[in-house]
Amino acid sequence: MISKRIIPCLDVRDGRVVKGRNFLGIQDVADPVELARLYNEAGADELVFYDITATVEGRGLFTDVLRDVARQIFIPLTVGGGINSLEDFDRVLKCGADKVSVNSGAIRTPGLIDQAARRYGNQCVVLSMDVKRVNGRFHVFSRGGREDTGMDALDWAAEGQDRGAGELVVNSIDTDGVKDGFDLEMLDAVAARVSIPIIASGGAGNMAHFAELFKHPGVDAGLAASIFHYGEVAIGDLKDYLAEAGVPMRRPGRR
């Protein structure tokens, strides 16, 4: 059985880690470099770094902060925000990223997924989707969850896989920051359409939510932010809890 992954997420704005609820009400949390170092030491399986305003502000990702983060960790690092071209892929990979997450850039230019997969390999290309229910359907949102594209999220997930994405991050806007649990209905619907690993994001509030998440086929990893940032759940404790619940983990929790 494939081991599951626990992935903290650093949403970075103006050089600081921030967090909100339903993609709104953004509040300052911490220094990304220090937080990355702590998560590396705590036993996180991977780390995700999003420059959350790069696309909205029409600029490239802040590479200085990214370089500092990459120097602090020895676990895989996925980076996203303002990824619109192969040059952007190349730039963040040279700064220390292992994988590149593309969202709005792929919506505007779907062929970017194909091009990046051919140049860097499928394992390097992560398609991230911000998804919200609209009139009973799952819609893809762009520009940091600000704009409804009208695209069907399930169709887009399948297309992303066909174009060469190696992983899929499903961010539920409906459950983001609410802490009532992952959006299992949405995740099940996506899993029924794709075979690539799914990273679930949005809604984690306690350790039991992860245990429930990993009962669902197709979900390979759980991504969370605030419960880790504010010390509500320690990664080592979470891994011990999940292992005791029979969830295969990549490495033990506390030693």
C-alpha atoms as a PDB file:
ATOM      1  CA  MET A   1       0.000   0.000   0.000  1.00  0.00           C
ATOM      2  CA  ILE A   2       1.302   3.461  -0.910  1.00  0.00           C
ATOM      3  CA  SER A   3       2.303   5.533   2.098  1.00  0.00           C
ATOM      4  CA  LYS A   4       0.419   8.760   2.721  1.00  0.00           C
ATOM      5  CA  ARG A   5       2.005  12.182   2.965  1.00  0.00           C
ATOM      6  CA  ILE A   6       1.522  15.079   5.378  1.00  0.00           C
ATOM      7  CA  ILE A   7       2.260  18.418   3.730  1.00  0.00           C
ATOM      8  CA  PRO A   8       2.271  21.830   5.431  1.00  0.00           C
ATOM      9  CA  CYS A   9       1.502  24.777   3.159  1.00  0.00           C
ATOM     10  CA  LEU A  10       3.144  28.190   3.298  1.00  0.00           C
ATOM     11  CA  ASP A  11       0.919  30.845   1.724  1.00  0.00           C
ATOM     12  CA  VAL A  12       3.311  33.766   1.319  1.00  0.00           C
ATOM     13  CA  ARG A  13       2.402  37.422   0.763  1.00  0.00           C
ATOM     14  CA  ASP A  14       4.926  40.264   0.954  1.00  0.00           C
ATOM     15  CA  GLY A  15       7.530  37.900   2.331  1.00  0.00           C
ATOM     16  CA  ARG A  16       5.368  36.633   5.205  1.00  0.00           C
ATOM     17  CA  VAL A  17       3.284  33.496   5.754  1.00  0.00           C
ATOM     18  CA  VAL A  18      -0.409  34.379   5.938  1.00  0.00           C
ATOM     19  CA  LYS A  19      -3.678  32.483   6.357  1.00  0.00           C
ATOM     20  CA  GLY A  20      -7.345  33.216   5.848  1.00  0.00           C
ATOM     21  CA  ARG A  21     -10.735  31.522   5.678  1.00  0.00           C
ATOM     22  CA  ASN A  22     -12.526  30.686   2.426  1.00  0.00           C
ATOM     23  CA  PHE A  23      -9.620  32.546   0.738  1.00  0.00           C
ATOM     24  CA  LEU A  24     -10.612  35.755   2.588  1.00  0.00           C
ATOM     25  CA  GLY A  25      -9.677  37.576   5.808  1.00  0.00           C
ATOM     26  CA  ILE A  26      -5.926  37.092   5.346  1.00  0.00           C
ATOM     27  CA  GLN A  27      -3.875  37.420   8.550  1.00  0.00           C
ATOM     28  CA  ASP A  28      -0.136  37.456   9.205  1.00  0.00           C
ATOM     29  CA  VAL A  29       1.290  34.252  10.695  1.00  0.00           C
ATOM     30  CA  ALA A  30       5.081  33.929  10.606  1.00  0.00           C
ATOM     31  CA  ASP A  31       8.390  34.165   8.790  1.00  0.00           C
ATOM     32  CA  PRO A  32       8.432  31.565   5.977  1.00  0.00           C
ATOM     33  CA  VAL A  33      12.105  30.677   6.368  1.00  0.00           C
ATOM     34  CA  GLU A  34      11.806  29.924  10.070  1.00  0.00           C
ATOM     35  CA  LEU A  35       8.552  28.038   9.584  1.00  0.00           C
ATOM     36  CA  ALA A  36      10.054  25.930   6.784  1.00  0.00           C
ATOM     37  CA  ARG A  37      12.973  24.983   9.018  1.00  0.00           C
ATOM     38  CA  LEU A  38      10.618  23.963  11.819  1.00  0.00           C
ATOM     39  CA  TYR A  39       8.499  21.795   9.507  1.00  0.00           C
ATOM     40  CA  ASN A  40      11.578  20.111   8.102  1.00  0.00           C
ATOM     41  CA  GLU A  41      12.684  19.210  11.622  1.00  0.00           C
ATOM     42  CA  ALA A  42       9.160  18.153  12.638  1.00  0.00           C
ATOM     43  CA  GLY A  43       9.022  15.385  10.033  1.00  0.00           C
ATOM     44  CA  ALA A  44       6.835  16.847   7.288  1.00  0.00           C
ATOM     45  CA  ASP A  45       6.947  14.706   4.156  1.00  0.00           C
ATOM     46  CA  GLU A  46       6.977  17.669   1.787  1.00  0.00           C
ATOM     47  CA  LEU A  47       6.440  21.413   1.846  1.00  0.00           C
ATOM     48  CA  VAL A  48       4.328  23.603  -0.438  1.00  0.00           C
ATOM     49  CA  PHE A  49       5.206  27.279  -0.996  1.00  0.00           C
ATOM     50  CA  TYR A  50       2.628  29.518  -2.674  1.00  0.00           C
ATOM     51  CA  ASP A  51       3.244  33.169  -3.532  1.00  0.00           C
ATOM     52  CA  ILE A  52      -0.460  33.912  -3.283  1.00  0.00           C
ATOM     53  CA  THR A  53      -0.524  37.380  -4.857  1.00  0.00           C
ATOM     54  CA  ALA A  54       1.954  36.908  -7.728  1.00  0.00           C
ATOM     55  CA  THR A  55      -0.767  36.189 -10.296  1.00  0.00           C
ATOM     56  CA  VAL A  56      -3.120  38.938  -9.111  1.00  0.00           C
ATOM     57  CA  GLU A  57      -0.302  41.493  -9.082  1.00  0.00           C
ATOM     58  CA  GLY A  58       0.924  40.325 -12.491  1.00  0.00           C
ATOM     59  CA  ARG A  59       4.492  39.663 -11.388  1.00  0.00           C
ATOM     60  CA  GLY A  60       6.918  36.800 -11.032  1.00  0.00           C
ATOM     61  CA  LEU A  61       7.267  34.821  -7.849  1.00  0.00           C
ATOM     62  CA  PHE A  62       9.538  36.262  -5.145  1.00  0.00           C
ATOM     63  CA  THR A  63      12.646  34.146  -5.655  1.00  0.00           C
ATOM     64  CA  ASP A  64      14.702  35.616  -2.826  1.00  0.00           C
ATOM     65  CA  VAL A  65      12.371  34.247  -0.154  1.00  0.00           C
ATOM     66  CA  LEU A  66      12.100  30.970  -2.062  1.00  0.00           C
ATOM     67  CA  ARG A  67      15.874  30.518  -2.118  1.00  0.00           C
ATOM     68  CA  ASP A  68      16.050  31.095   1.626  1.00  0.00           C
ATOM     69  CA  VAL A  69      13.283  28.556   2.244  1.00  0.00           C
ATOM     70  CA  ALA A  70      14.905  25.945  -0.016  1.00  0.00           C
ATOM     71  CA  ARG A  71      18.182  26.253   1.908  1.00  0.00           C
ATOM     72  CA  GLN A  72      16.436  25.330   5.154  1.00  0.00           C
ATOM     73  CA  ILE A  73      14.836  22.047   4.147  1.00  0.00           C
ATOM     74  CA  PHE A  74      15.797  18.580   2.971  1.00  0.00           C
ATOM     75  CA  ILE A  75      12.340  17.421   1.937  1.00  0.00           C
ATOM     76  CA  PRO A  76      10.635  17.877  -1.462  1.00  0.00           C
ATOM     77  CA  LEU A  77       9.495  21.444  -2.101  1.00  0.00           C
ATOM     78  CA  THR A  78       6.593  22.351  -4.392  1.00  0.00           C
ATOM     79  CA  VAL A  79       6.362  25.981  -5.454  1.00  0.00           C
ATOM     80  CA  GLY A  80       3.533  27.923  -7.081  1.00  0.00           C
ATOM     81  CA  GLY A  81       2.321  31.441  -7.786  1.00  0.00           C
ATOM     82  CA  GLY A  82       2.703  33.434 -10.987  1.00  0.00           C
ATOM     83  CA  ILE A  83       3.729  30.395 -13.055  1.00  0.00           C
ATOM     84  CA  ASN A  84       2.840  31.334 -16.623  1.00  0.00           C
ATOM     85  CA  SER A  85       5.632  29.999 -18.815  1.00  0.00           C
ATOM     86  CA  LEU A  86       8.438  27.478 -19.115  1.00  0.00           C
ATOM     87  CA  GLU A  87      10.784  30.280 -18.089  1.00  0.00           C
ATOM     88  CA  ASP A  88       8.882  30.530 -14.790  1.00  0.00           C
ATOM     89  CA  PHE A  89       9.268  26.781 -14.288  1.00  0.00           C
ATOM     90  CA  ASP A  90      12.981  27.052 -14.952  1.00  0.00           C
ATOM     91  CA  ARG A  91      13.382  30.015 -12.607  1.00  0.00           C
ATOM     92  CA  VAL A  92      11.796  28.390  -9.558  1.00  0.00           C
ATOM     93  CA  LEU A  93      13.484  25.037 -10.173  1.00  0.00           C
ATOM     94  CA  LYS A  94      16.841  26.792 -10.200  1.00  0.00           C
ATOM     95  CA  CYS A  95      15.914  28.393  -6.864  1.00  0.00           C
ATOM     96  CA  GLY A  96      15.579  24.963  -5.241  1.00  0.00           C
ATOM     97  CA  ALA A  97      12.054  23.754  -6.002  1.00  0.00           C
ATOM     98  CA  ASP A  98      11.552  20.058  -6.743  1.00  0.00           C
ATOM     99  CA  LYS A  99       8.090  20.440  -8.253  1.00  0.00           C
ATOM    100  CA  VAL A 100       6.204  23.367  -9.746  1.00  0.00           C
ATOM    101  CA  SER A 101       2.529  24.030  -9.122  1.00  0.00           C
ATOM    102  CA  VAL A 102       0.606  25.732 -11.900  1.00  0.00           C
ATOM    103  CA  ASN A 103      -2.927  27.088 -11.548  1.00  0.00           C
ATOM    104  CA  SER A 104      -4.128  30.265 -13.295  1.00  0.00           C
ATOM    105  CA  GLY A 105      -1.318  30.035 -15.846  1.00  0.00           C
ATOM    106  CA  ALA A 106      -2.552  26.626 -16.978  1.00  0.00           C
ATOM    107  CA  ILE A 107      -6.135  27.860 -17.181  1.00  0.00           C
ATOM    108  CA  ARG A 108      -5.031  30.634 -19.549  1.00  0.00           C
ATOM    109  CA  THR A 109      -2.632  28.390 -21.489  1.00  0.00           C
ATOM    110  CA  PRO A 110      -3.476  24.690 -21.042  1.00  0.00           C
ATOM    111  CA  GLY A 111      -0.603  23.723 -23.319  1.00  0.00           C
ATOM    112  CA  LEU A 112       1.810  24.889 -20.616  1.00  0.00           C
ATOM    113  CA  ILE A 113       1.134  21.598 -18.823  1.00  0.00           C
ATOM    114  CA  ASP A 114       2.126  19.598 -21.920  1.00  0.00           C
ATOM    115  CA  GLN A 115       5.231  21.689 -22.520  1.00  0.00           C
ATOM    116  CA  ALA A 116       6.430  21.496 -18.918  1.00  0.00           C
ATOM    117  CA  ALA A 117       5.804  17.749 -18.696  1.00  0.00           C
ATOM    118  CA  ARG A 118       7.844  17.152 -21.836  1.00  0.00           C
ATOM    119  CA  ARG A 119      10.732  19.332 -20.681  1.00  0.00           C
ATOM    120  CA  TYR A 120      10.889  18.526 -16.970  1.00  0.00           C
ATOM    121  CA  GLY A 121       8.961  15.266 -16.616  1.00  0.00           C
ATOM    122  CA  ASN A 122       5.457  14.546 -15.318  1.00  0.00           C
ATOM    123  CA  GLN A 123       6.712  14.210 -11.746  1.00  0.00           C
ATOM    124  CA  CYS A 124       7.691  17.900 -11.774  1.00  0.00           C
ATOM    125  CA  VAL A 125       4.309  19.262 -12.884  1.00  0.00           C
ATOM    126  CA  VAL A 126       1.604  19.768 -10.256  1.00  0.00           C
ATOM    127  CA  LEU A 127      -1.801  21.061 -11.356  1.00  0.00           C
ATOM    128  CA  SER A 128      -3.437  23.026  -8.553  1.00  0.00           C
ATOM    129  CA  MET A 129      -7.176  23.735  -8.714  1.00  0.00           C
ATOM    130  CA  ASP A 130      -9.166  26.145  -6.548  1.00  0.00           C
ATOM    131  CA  VAL A 131     -12.659  24.679  -6.579  1.00  0.00           C
ATOM    132  CA  LYS A 132     -16.011  25.935  -5.303  1.00  0.00           C
ATOM    133  CA  ARG A 133     -19.587  24.766  -5.660  1.00  0.00           C
ATOM    134  CA  VAL A 134     -21.689  26.901  -7.993  1.00  0.00           C
ATOM    135  CA  ASN A 135     -25.319  25.874  -8.577  1.00  0.00           C
ATOM    136  CA  GLY A 136     -24.554  22.286  -7.604  1.00  0.00           C
ATOM    137  CA  ARG A 137     -21.468  21.954  -9.831  1.00  0.00           C
ATOM    138  CA  PHE A 138     -17.787  22.109  -9.032  1.00  0.00           C
ATOM    139  CA  HIS A 139     -16.302  25.178 -10.713  1.00  0.00           C
ATOM    140  CA  VAL A 140     -12.636  26.073 -11.139  1.00  0.00           C
ATOM    141  CA  PHE A 141     -11.700  29.518  -9.829  1.00  0.00           C
ATOM    142  CA  SER A 142      -8.656  31.507 -10.907  1.00  0.00           C
ATOM    143  CA  ARG A 143      -6.599  34.471  -9.639  1.00  0.00           C
ATOM    144  CA  GLY A 144      -6.311  33.154  -6.091  1.00  0.00           C
ATOM    145  CA  GLY A 145      -9.941  32.059  -5.906  1.00  0.00           C
ATOM    146  CA  ARG A 146     -11.258  35.455  -6.980  1.00  0.00           C
ATOM    147  CA  GLU A 147     -12.732  34.654 -10.393  1.00  0.00           C
ATOM    148  CA  ASP A 148     -15.156  31.928 -11.448  1.00  0.00           C
ATOM    149  CA  THR A 149     -13.886  30.555 -14.750  1.00  0.00           C
ATOM    150  CA  GLY A 150     -17.082  28.592 -15.348  1.00  0.00           C
ATOM    151  CA  MET A 151     -14.918  25.541 -16.055  1.00  0.00           C
ATOM    152  CA  ASP A 152     -16.056  22.182 -14.712  1.00  0.00           C
ATOM    153  CA  ALA A 153     -13.460  21.089 -12.158  1.00  0.00           C
ATOM    154  CA  LEU A 154     -13.856  17.392 -12.890  1.00  0.00           C
ATOM    155  CA  ASP A 155     -13.305  17.886 -16.609  1.00  0.00           C
ATOM    156  CA  TRP A 156     -10.317  20.139 -15.916  1.00  0.00           C
ATOM    157  CA  ALA A 157      -8.752  17.572 -13.583  1.00  0.00           C
ATOM    158  CA  ALA A 158      -9.059  14.891 -16.252  1.00  0.00           C
ATOM    159  CA  GLU A 159      -7.653  17.206 -18.912  1.00  0.00           C
ATOM    160  CA  GLY A 160      -4.728  18.144 -16.691  1.00  0.00           C
ATOM    161  CA  GLN A 161      -3.881  14.480 -16.236  1.00  0.00           C
ATOM    162  CA  ASP A 162      -4.139  13.839 -19.971  1.00  0.00           C
ATOM    163  CA  ARG A 163      -1.824  16.763 -20.670  1.00  0.00           C
ATOM    164  CA  GLY A 164       0.857  15.379 -18.377  1.00  0.00           C
ATOM    165  CA  ALA A 165       0.392  16.658 -14.833  1.00  0.00           C
ATOM    166  CA  GLY A 166       1.912  14.197 -12.370  1.00  0.00           C
ATOM    167  CA  GLU A 167      -0.060  15.302  -9.323  1.00  0.00           C
ATOM    168  CA  LEU A 168      -3.233  17.205  -8.577  1.00  0.00           C
ATOM    169  CA  VAL A 169      -3.819  19.591  -5.684  1.00  0.00           C
ATOM    170  CA  VAL A 170      -7.526  20.070  -4.986  1.00  0.00           C
ATOM    171  CA  ASN A 171      -8.116  23.206  -2.919  1.00  0.00           C
ATOM    172  CA  SER A 172     -11.699  23.431  -1.673  1.00  0.00           C
ATOM    173  CA  ILE A 173     -12.675  27.087  -1.306  1.00  0.00           C
ATOM    174  CA  ASP A 174     -15.853  25.989   0.499  1.00  0.00           C
ATOM    175  CA  THR A 175     -13.918  24.343   3.337  1.00  0.00           C
ATOM    176  CA  ASP A 176     -10.722  26.433   3.349  1.00  0.00           C
ATOM    177  CA  GLY A 177      -9.849  27.498   6.894  1.00  0.00           C
ATOM    178  CA  VAL A 178     -13.198  26.297   8.270  1.00  0.00           C
ATOM    179  CA  LYS A 179     -11.622  23.319  10.114  1.00  0.00           C
ATOM    180  CA  ASP A 180     -14.706  21.095   9.827  1.00  0.00           C
ATOM    181  CA  GLY A 181     -12.950  18.474   7.728  1.00  0.00           C
ATOM    182  CA  PHE A 182     -11.788  17.968   4.164  1.00  0.00           C
ATOM    183  CA  ASP A 183     -14.247  18.262   1.291  1.00  0.00           C
ATOM    184  CA  LEU A 184     -14.680  14.510   0.857  1.00  0.00           C
ATOM    185  CA  GLU A 185     -17.547  14.752  -1.617  1.00  0.00           C
ATOM    186  CA  MET A 186     -15.453  16.900  -3.931  1.00  0.00           C
ATOM    187  CA  LEU A 187     -12.377  14.700  -3.519  1.00  0.00           C
ATOM    188  CA  ASP A 188     -14.346  11.532  -4.292  1.00  0.00           C
ATOM    189  CA  ALA A 189     -15.728  13.130  -7.435  1.00  0.00           C
ATOM    190  CA  VAL A 190     -12.250  14.115  -8.623  1.00  0.00           C
ATOM    191  CA  ALA A 191     -10.757  10.723  -7.730  1.00  0.00           C
ATOM    192  CA  ALA A 192     -13.367   9.039  -9.898  1.00  0.00           C
ATOM    193  CA  ARG A 193     -11.997  10.936 -12.914  1.00  0.00           C
ATOM    194  CA  VAL A 194      -8.211  10.704 -12.471  1.00  0.00           C
ATOM    195  CA  SER A 195      -5.561   8.145 -11.552  1.00  0.00           C
ATOM    196  CA  ILE A 196      -2.699  10.496 -10.629  1.00  0.00           C
ATOM    197  CA  PRO A 197      -2.065  11.240  -6.924  1.00  0.00           C
ATOM    198  CA  ILE A 198      -4.436  13.740  -5.320  1.00  0.00           C
ATOM    199  CA  ILE A 199      -3.318  16.146  -2.604  1.00  0.00           C
ATOM    200  CA  ALA A 200      -6.330  17.275  -0.576  1.00  0.00           C
ATOM    201  CA  SER A 201      -6.363  20.854   0.693  1.00  0.00           C
ATOM    202  CA  GLY A 202      -8.852  22.833   2.735  1.00  0.00           C
ATOM    203  CA  GLY A 203     -10.719  22.028   5.938  1.00  0.00           C
ATOM    204  CA  ALA A 204      -8.334  20.140   8.232  1.00  0.00           C
ATOM    205  CA  GLY A 205      -9.173  20.878  11.861  1.00  0.00           C
ATOM    206  CA  ASN A 206      -7.928  17.885  13.830  1.00  0.00           C
ATOM    207  CA  MET A 207      -6.131  14.561  13.497  1.00  0.00           C
ATOM    208  CA  ALA A 208      -9.352  12.610  12.968  1.00  0.00           C
ATOM    209  CA  HIS A 209      -9.993  14.586   9.794  1.00  0.00           C
ATOM    210  CA  PHE A 210      -6.789  13.168   8.282  1.00  0.00           C
ATOM    211  CA  ALA A 211      -7.703   9.626   9.315  1.00  0.00           C
ATOM    212  CA  GLU A 212     -11.079  10.016   7.599  1.00  0.00           C
ATOM    213  CA  LEU A 213      -9.452  11.569   4.534  1.00  0.00           C
ATOM    214  CA  PHE A 214      -7.119   8.648   3.991  1.00  0.00           C
ATOM    215  CA  LYS A 215     -10.002   6.179   3.919  1.00  0.00           C
ATOM    216  CA  HIS A 216     -10.920   7.626   0.535  1.00  0.00           C
ATOM    217  CA  PRO A 217      -9.290   5.988  -2.514  1.00  0.00           C
ATOM    218  CA  GLY A 218      -7.143   8.192  -4.693  1.00  0.00           C
ATOM    219  CA  VAL A 219      -6.105  10.638  -1.990  1.00  0.00           C
ATOM    220  CA  ASP A 220      -2.356  10.417  -1.554  1.00  0.00           C
ATOM    221  CA  ALA A 221      -1.656  13.370   0.736  1.00  0.00           C
ATOM    222  CA  GLY A 222      -3.247  15.824   3.126  1.00  0.00           C
ATOM    223  CA  LEU A 223      -2.216  19.461   2.947  1.00  0.00           C
ATOM    224  CA  ALA A 224      -2.932  21.909   5.745  1.00  0.00           C
ATOM    225  CA  ALA A 225      -1.794  25.276   7.029  1.00  0.00           C
ATOM    226  CA  SER A 226      -3.343  26.917  10.076  1.00  0.00           C
ATOM    227  CA  ILE A 227      -3.551  23.837  12.339  1.00  0.00           C
ATOM    228  CA  PHE A 228       0.194  23.367  11.865  1.00  0.00           C
ATOM    229  CA  HIS A 229       1.117  27.060  11.890  1.00  0.00           C
ATOM    230  CA  TYR A 230      -0.674  27.729  15.190  1.00  0.00           C
ATOM    231  CA  GLY A 231       0.521  24.550  16.893  1.00  0.00           C
ATOM    232  CA  GLU A 232      -2.945  23.003  17.123  1.00  0.00           C
ATOM    233  CA  VAL A 233      -1.632  19.730  15.674  1.00  0.00           C
ATOM    234  CA  ALA A 234       2.008  18.610  15.795  1.00  0.00           C
ATOM    235  CA  ILE A 235       3.148  16.702  12.715  1.00  0.00           C
ATOM    236  CA  GLY A 236       4.912  14.034  14.781  1.00  0.00           C
ATOM    237  CA  ASP A 237       1.795  13.457  16.879  1.00  0.00           C
ATOM    238  CA  LEU A 238      -0.342  13.308  13.743  1.00  0.00           C
ATOM    239  CA  LYS A 239       1.890  10.698  12.142  1.00  0.00           C
ATOM    240  CA  ASP A 240       1.850   8.578  15.296  1.00  0.00           C
ATOM    241  CA  TYR A 241      -1.951   8.854  15.438  1.00  0.00           C
ATOM    242  CA  LEU A 242      -2.371   7.865  11.802  1.00  0.00           C
ATOM    243  CA  ALA A 243       0.056   4.956  12.066  1.00  0.00           C
ATOM    244  CA  GLU A 244      -1.865   3.636  15.076  1.00  0.00           C
ATOM    245  CA  ALA A 245      -5.066   3.975  13.024  1.00  0.00           C
ATOM    246  CA  GLY A 246      -3.544   1.754  10.344  1.00  0.00           C
ATOM    247  CA  VAL A 247      -2.695   4.464   7.839  1.00  0.00           C
ATOM    248  CA  PRO A 248       0.615   3.718   6.078  1.00  0.00           C
ATOM    249  CA  MET A 249       3.006   6.593   6.685  1.00  0.00           C
ATOM    250  CA  ARG A 250       6.249   7.398   4.888  1.00  0.00           C
ATOM    251  CA  ARG A 251       8.204   7.636   8.117  1.00  0.00           C
ATOM    252  CA  PRO A 252       7.424   7.354  11.832  1.00  0.00           C
ATOM    253  CA  GLY A 253       6.348  10.348  13.833  1.00  0.00           C
ATOM    254  CA  ARG A 254       8.140  11.158  17.048  1.00  0.00           C
ATOM    255  CA  ARG A 255      11.257   9.171  17.806  1.00  0.00           C
END
